[in-house]
Amino acid sequence: MDKQKLDHQLCFPLYSASKLVIASYTPFLEPFDLTYTQYIVMLVLWEKRSITMAELGKILHLDSGTLTPLTNKLIQKSLIKKEVDKFDRRKANLVLTVKGKRLKERMEDIPNKVGSCFPLGIDDAIALRKLLDKVIEGYEK
C-alpha cells in the first residue's frame, strides 16, 4: 500500500468535510450577521453564560490571537460584554447581553437546518461525533 496517496490519508476527508460543514452554516448565519466562529462562541456563551477568555480558548481550541478580534466583534455587535470578575479584579469574564440572550431563541433552528444539508441519520451523526471526539482527545494528550 502506498501511504503517500491522497486516498490513503485520513487528514484529507477530515479537512474537506470540515470546510463543507462550515460553509453550510454560512447561508443560515448571514441573516444574523454572524460568522461560523462567532456562532460557536455564542453557543458556548449560551451554555455557560459567563466565561474567561482562557476557558473559551480551551473549549474552542482557539488561541488569544484568534479569540480577541472575534470577541471584540461580538462586543461591537452588543451580543456579549466584558465584565470584571467579582472575586479577582485582574480577570475579565465574557458575558451575554440581553441582545445576545434573545439571539439564542431566534437561532434555535440552525442545527436542524445545517443537519438537513447532510445525508446522515441520527445514529450516523452520533457515531461520527464520537469518532471525532476520540481524534481530538488523542491530540490533546
Protein backbone atom coordinates (compact mmCIF):
# COMPACT_ATOMS: atom_id res chain seq x y z
CA MET A 1 0.00 0.00 0.00
CA ASP A 2 1.35 3.41 -0.98
CA LYS A 3 0.89 5.53 2.16
CA GLN A 4 1.51 8.73 0.24
CA LYS A 5 -1.62 8.51 -1.89
CA LEU A 6 -4.26 11.10 -1.12
CA ASP A 7 -6.90 8.35 -0.93
CA HIS A 8 -4.99 6.79 1.98
CA GLN A 9 -4.88 9.96 4.08
CA LEU A 10 -7.33 10.47 6.93
CA CYS A 11 -6.46 14.17 7.05
CA PHE A 12 -7.91 14.98 3.63
CA PRO A 13 -11.51 13.81 4.15
CA LEU A 14 -11.47 15.46 7.60
CA TYR A 15 -10.25 18.71 6.05
CA SER A 16 -12.75 18.54 3.19
CA ALA A 17 -15.67 17.64 5.44
CA SER A 18 -14.76 20.44 7.85
CA LYS A 19 -14.77 23.00 5.05
CA LEU A 20 -18.11 21.73 3.74
CA VAL A 21 -19.75 21.72 7.15
CA ILE A 22 -18.54 25.22 7.99
CA ALA A 23 -19.61 26.52 4.57
CA SER A 24 -23.06 25.00 5.06
CA TYR A 25 -23.61 27.34 8.03
CA THR A 26 -22.99 30.50 6.00
CA PRO A 27 -26.45 30.97 4.42
CA PHE A 28 -28.14 30.31 7.76
CA LEU A 29 -25.86 32.63 9.75
CA GLU A 30 -25.77 35.54 7.27
CA PRO A 31 -29.24 36.84 8.22
CA PHE A 32 -27.94 37.15 11.80
CA ASP A 33 -24.69 38.84 10.69
CA LEU A 34 -22.58 36.08 12.26
CA THR A 35 -19.65 34.06 11.01
CA TYR A 36 -19.23 30.41 11.93
CA THR A 37 -16.58 31.20 14.54
CA GLN A 38 -18.74 33.93 16.07
CA TYR A 39 -21.59 31.43 16.19
CA ILE A 40 -19.56 28.82 18.10
CA VAL A 41 -18.52 31.50 20.61
CA MET A 42 -22.21 32.29 21.08
CA LEU A 43 -23.00 28.58 21.52
CA VAL A 44 -20.50 28.41 24.38
CA LEU A 45 -21.85 31.57 25.99
CA TRP A 46 -25.45 30.41 25.69
CA GLU A 47 -24.41 27.32 27.60
CA LYS A 48 -22.01 28.87 30.16
CA ARG A 49 -23.48 32.41 30.49
CA SER A 50 -20.08 33.70 31.67
CA ILE A 51 -16.55 32.57 30.79
CA THR A 52 -12.97 33.80 30.76
CA MET A 53 -11.05 34.14 27.50
CA ALA A 54 -8.71 31.34 28.61
CA GLU A 55 -11.61 28.96 29.27
CA LEU A 56 -13.23 29.88 25.95
CA GLY A 57 -9.97 29.30 24.10
CA LYS A 58 -9.59 25.88 25.69
CA ILE A 59 -13.13 24.80 24.79
CA LEU A 60 -12.90 26.04 21.18
CA HIS A 61 -9.23 25.15 20.62
CA LEU A 62 -8.51 28.76 19.62
CA ASP A 63 -5.63 30.98 20.70
CA SER A 64 -5.95 34.52 22.00
CA GLY A 65 -4.77 35.94 18.67
CA THR A 66 -7.91 34.48 17.09
CA LEU A 67 -10.26 34.97 20.04
CA THR A 68 -9.55 38.62 20.76
CA PRO A 69 -10.73 40.04 17.40
CA LEU A 70 -13.56 37.52 17.37
CA THR A 71 -14.91 38.51 20.78
CA ASN A 72 -14.31 42.20 20.05
CA LYS A 73 -16.64 41.88 17.02
CA LEU A 74 -19.31 40.29 19.22
CA ILE A 75 -18.87 43.11 21.74
CA GLN A 76 -19.28 45.66 18.92
CA LYS A 77 -22.49 43.90 17.92
CA SER A 78 -23.68 44.19 21.56
CA LEU A 79 -24.11 40.42 21.85
CA ILE A 80 -21.56 39.98 24.64
CA LYS A 81 -19.67 42.25 27.03
CA LYS A 82 -16.63 42.06 29.27
CA GLU A 83 -17.14 42.31 33.00
CA VAL A 84 -14.53 42.43 35.71
CA ASP A 85 -14.59 39.24 37.81
CA LYS A 86 -16.18 39.88 41.22
CA PHE A 87 -13.65 37.71 43.01
CA ASP A 88 -10.49 38.54 41.06
CA ARG A 89 -10.41 42.05 39.62
CA ARG A 90 -7.44 41.09 37.41
CA LYS A 91 -9.72 38.80 35.38
CA ALA A 92 -12.46 39.70 32.94
CA ASN A 93 -15.36 37.47 32.05
CA LEU A 94 -17.26 37.43 28.80
CA VAL A 95 -20.98 37.51 29.46
CA LEU A 96 -24.09 37.60 27.33
CA THR A 97 -26.01 40.81 26.90
CA VAL A 98 -29.80 40.85 26.74
CA LYS A 99 -29.50 41.06 22.95
CA GLY A 100 -27.16 38.02 22.98
CA LYS A 101 -29.62 36.03 25.10
CA ARG A 102 -32.51 36.87 22.77
CA LEU A 103 -30.50 35.80 19.74
CA LYS A 104 -30.45 32.20 21.01
CA GLU A 105 -34.20 31.86 20.54
CA ARG A 106 -34.07 33.34 17.06
CA MET A 107 -31.35 30.89 16.03
CA GLU A 108 -32.67 27.72 17.63
CA ASP A 109 -33.40 26.04 14.29
CA ILE A 110 -29.86 26.46 12.87
CA PRO A 111 -28.64 22.97 13.90
CA ASN A 112 -31.65 21.35 12.18
CA LYS A 113 -31.20 23.42 9.04
CA VAL A 114 -27.50 22.58 8.80
CA GLY A 115 -28.18 18.93 9.66
CA SER A 116 -30.59 18.67 6.75
CA CYS A 117 -27.72 19.54 4.38
CA PHE A 118 -26.01 16.20 5.01
CA PRO A 119 -27.12 12.62 4.32
CA LEU A 120 -26.56 11.38 7.88
CA GLY A 121 -29.15 9.80 10.09
CA ILE A 122 -29.08 10.49 13.82
CA ASP A 123 -27.19 7.24 14.56
CA ASP A 124 -24.50 8.06 11.98
CA ALA A 125 -24.19 11.61 13.33
CA ILE A 126 -23.76 10.33 16.90
CA ALA A 127 -21.19 7.74 15.79
CA LEU A 128 -19.27 10.36 13.79
CA ARG A 129 -19.27 12.75 16.76
CA LYS A 130 -17.85 10.01 19.00
CA LEU A 131 -15.10 9.23 16.50
CA LEU A 132 -14.19 12.89 16.09
CA ASP A 133 -14.11 13.33 19.88
CA LYS A 134 -11.67 10.39 20.00
CA VAL A 135 -9.42 12.09 17.44
CA ILE A 136 -9.49 15.35 19.41
CA GLU A 137 -8.86 13.63 22.75
CA GLY A 138 -5.89 11.78 21.26
CA TYR A 139 -4.36 15.04 20.12
CA GLU A 140 -4.87 16.76 23.50
CA LYS A 141 -2.90 14.10 25.42
